[in-house]
Amino acid sequence: MERKIRVVLAKPGLDGHDRGAKVIANAMRDAGMEVIYLGLRQTPEMIVSAAIQEDADVVSLSILSGAHMTIFPKVLDLLKEHQMEDILLIGGGVIPEADAAELRKKGVAEIFGPGTPTTRIVDYIQKWFQTSPRNQ
């Protein structure tokens, strides 16, 4: 039996709107993924700690607060510090394309903007997982 992809999904920072994150979580679950939704106001340390504890394959962040240029690099640094660079880090929210491009350069795999079909996000994760060492 093929194992489920494990996703830690979180809303870091002071952002209090999580409807989009819940929609994404449901789409991932409907696609057969195991989703651990951490909820609102998570710190990078809390997110990486949960990823370690849950043996996550994917960390997905939803950020609307404008703190994306601080939070994503901090999560990347913490993942590296814990030798977890093989985890897929993706995100979404209201992130300008120039910032998204810079985050990709720093190591964020993909940024999904408002209106992205959930099927595109699910497909992206599934394709990554097929070739990931985590699936070996």
Protein backbone atom coordinates (compact mmCIF):
# COMPACT_ATOMS: atom_id res chain seq x y z
CA MET A 1 0.00 0.00 0.00
CA GLU A 2 1.31 3.43 -0.95
CA ARG A 3 1.80 5.68 2.04
CA LYS A 4 -0.05 8.98 2.34
CA ILE A 5 1.69 12.27 1.79
CA ARG A 6 1.86 14.08 5.14
CA VAL A 7 1.31 17.84 5.00
CA VAL A 8 1.68 20.34 7.84
CA LEU A 9 -0.42 23.37 6.93
CA ALA A 10 -0.18 26.55 8.98
CA LYS A 11 -1.11 30.22 9.16
CA PRO A 12 1.98 31.97 10.53
CA GLY A 13 2.08 35.47 11.88
CA LEU A 14 -0.75 37.71 12.99
CA ASP A 15 -3.04 36.98 10.07
CA GLY A 16 -6.50 35.95 11.33
CA HIS A 17 -8.20 34.86 8.10
CA ASP A 18 -7.98 31.12 7.37
CA ARG A 19 -10.82 30.28 4.98
CA GLY A 20 -8.41 29.71 2.06
CA ALA A 21 -6.15 27.49 4.17
CA LYS A 22 -9.14 25.35 5.15
CA VAL A 23 -10.22 25.03 1.51
CA ILE A 24 -6.71 23.88 0.57
CA ALA A 25 -6.61 21.46 3.51
CA ASN A 26 -9.88 19.88 2.37
CA ALA A 27 -8.63 19.57 -1.21
CA MET A 28 -5.47 17.85 0.00
CA ARG A 29 -7.48 15.46 2.18
CA ASP A 30 -9.84 14.73 -0.71
CA ALA A 31 -6.76 13.81 -2.76
CA GLY A 32 -5.73 11.27 -0.12
CA MET A 33 -3.13 13.31 1.76
CA GLU A 34 -2.89 13.39 5.52
CA VAL A 35 -3.17 17.03 6.57
CA ILE A 36 -2.17 18.36 9.96
CA TYR A 37 -3.69 21.84 10.16
CA LEU A 38 -1.97 23.84 12.87
CA GLY A 39 -4.32 26.79 12.72
CA LEU A 40 -3.76 30.51 13.16
CA ARG A 41 -0.89 32.55 14.57
CA GLN A 42 1.84 29.93 14.35
CA THR A 43 5.51 30.85 14.74
CA PRO A 44 8.17 29.41 12.43
CA GLU A 45 9.50 27.44 15.42
CA MET A 46 6.08 25.92 16.10
CA ILE A 47 5.66 24.99 12.44
CA VAL A 48 9.04 23.28 12.13
CA SER A 49 8.55 21.53 15.47
CA ALA A 50 5.23 20.13 14.23
CA ALA A 51 6.85 19.07 10.93
CA ILE A 52 9.46 17.12 12.90
CA GLN A 53 6.92 15.55 15.26
CA GLU A 54 4.54 14.62 12.45
CA ASP A 55 7.28 13.37 10.09
CA ALA A 56 5.87 15.72 7.44
CA ASP A 57 6.73 15.50 3.77
CA VAL A 58 5.36 18.96 3.01
CA VAL A 59 5.08 22.24 4.90
CA SER A 60 2.49 24.59 3.43
CA LEU A 61 2.16 28.15 4.70
CA SER A 62 -0.70 30.53 4.04
CA ILE A 63 0.27 34.16 4.57
CA LEU A 64 -1.87 37.21 3.98
CA SER A 65 -0.24 39.53 6.53
CA GLY A 66 2.67 40.73 4.41
CA ALA A 67 5.29 39.01 6.57
CA HIS A 68 6.18 36.45 3.89
CA MET A 69 9.71 37.80 3.31
CA THR A 70 10.51 37.21 6.98
CA ILE A 71 8.56 34.04 7.76
CA PHE A 72 9.50 31.86 4.76
CA PRO A 73 13.28 32.42 5.17
CA LYS A 74 13.00 31.71 8.91
CA VAL A 75 11.18 28.42 8.24
CA LEU A 76 13.82 27.52 5.62
CA ASP A 77 16.60 28.27 8.11
CA LEU A 78 14.97 26.13 10.79
CA LEU A 79 14.40 23.24 8.38
CA LYS A 80 18.07 23.41 7.40
CA GLU A 81 19.13 23.61 11.05
CA HIS A 82 17.26 20.35 11.69
CA GLN A 83 18.63 18.67 8.53
CA MET A 84 15.16 18.64 6.97
CA GLU A 85 15.94 20.22 3.61
CA ASP A 86 14.18 17.30 1.89
CA ILE A 87 10.78 18.62 3.02
CA LEU A 88 8.81 20.44 0.34
CA LEU A 89 8.09 24.03 1.44
CA ILE A 90 5.26 25.70 -0.43
CA GLY A 91 3.01 28.61 0.32
CA GLY A 92 0.27 30.86 -0.78
CA GLY A 93 -1.50 34.06 -0.07
CA VAL A 94 -1.27 37.61 -1.27
CA ILE A 95 2.40 37.65 -2.25
CA PRO A 96 3.64 39.94 -5.03
CA GLU A 97 5.26 38.04 -7.93
CA ALA A 98 8.62 39.77 -7.38
CA ASP A 99 8.63 38.55 -3.77
CA ALA A 100 7.49 35.08 -4.85
CA ALA A 101 10.39 34.91 -7.32
CA GLU A 102 12.84 35.92 -4.58
CA LEU A 103 11.40 33.31 -2.20
CA ARG A 104 11.82 30.64 -4.89
CA LYS A 105 15.48 31.67 -5.26
CA LYS A 106 15.92 31.24 -1.51
CA GLY A 107 14.48 27.72 -1.56
CA VAL A 108 10.69 27.90 -1.32
CA ALA A 109 9.52 25.38 -3.92
CA GLU A 110 6.41 27.22 -5.09
CA ILE A 111 4.09 30.08 -4.21
CA PHE A 112 0.43 29.80 -5.17
CA GLY A 113 -1.44 33.07 -5.48
CA PRO A 114 -5.09 33.91 -4.96
CA GLY A 115 -7.40 32.05 -7.31
CA THR A 116 -5.03 29.15 -7.94
CA PRO A 117 -7.13 26.02 -8.53
CA THR A 118 -6.71 23.57 -5.67
CA THR A 119 -6.09 20.84 -8.24
CA ARG A 120 -2.92 22.65 -9.33
CA ILE A 121 -1.60 22.64 -5.75
CA VAL A 122 -2.48 18.98 -5.24
CA ASP A 123 -0.92 18.00 -8.58
CA TYR A 124 2.26 19.92 -7.75
CA ILE A 125 2.65 18.07 -4.44
CA GLN A 126 1.85 14.66 -5.93
CA LYS A 127 4.35 15.11 -8.79
CA TRP A 128 7.04 16.22 -6.35
CA PHE A 129 6.35 13.27 -4.06
CA GLN A 130 6.66 10.74 -6.90
CA THR A 131 10.33 11.65 -7.32
CA SER A 132 11.12 12.62 -3.75
CA PRO A 133 13.66 10.64 -1.72
CA ARG A 134 11.08 10.80 1.07
CA ASN A 135 8.96 8.36 -0.96
CA GLN A 136 11.72 5.76 -1.33
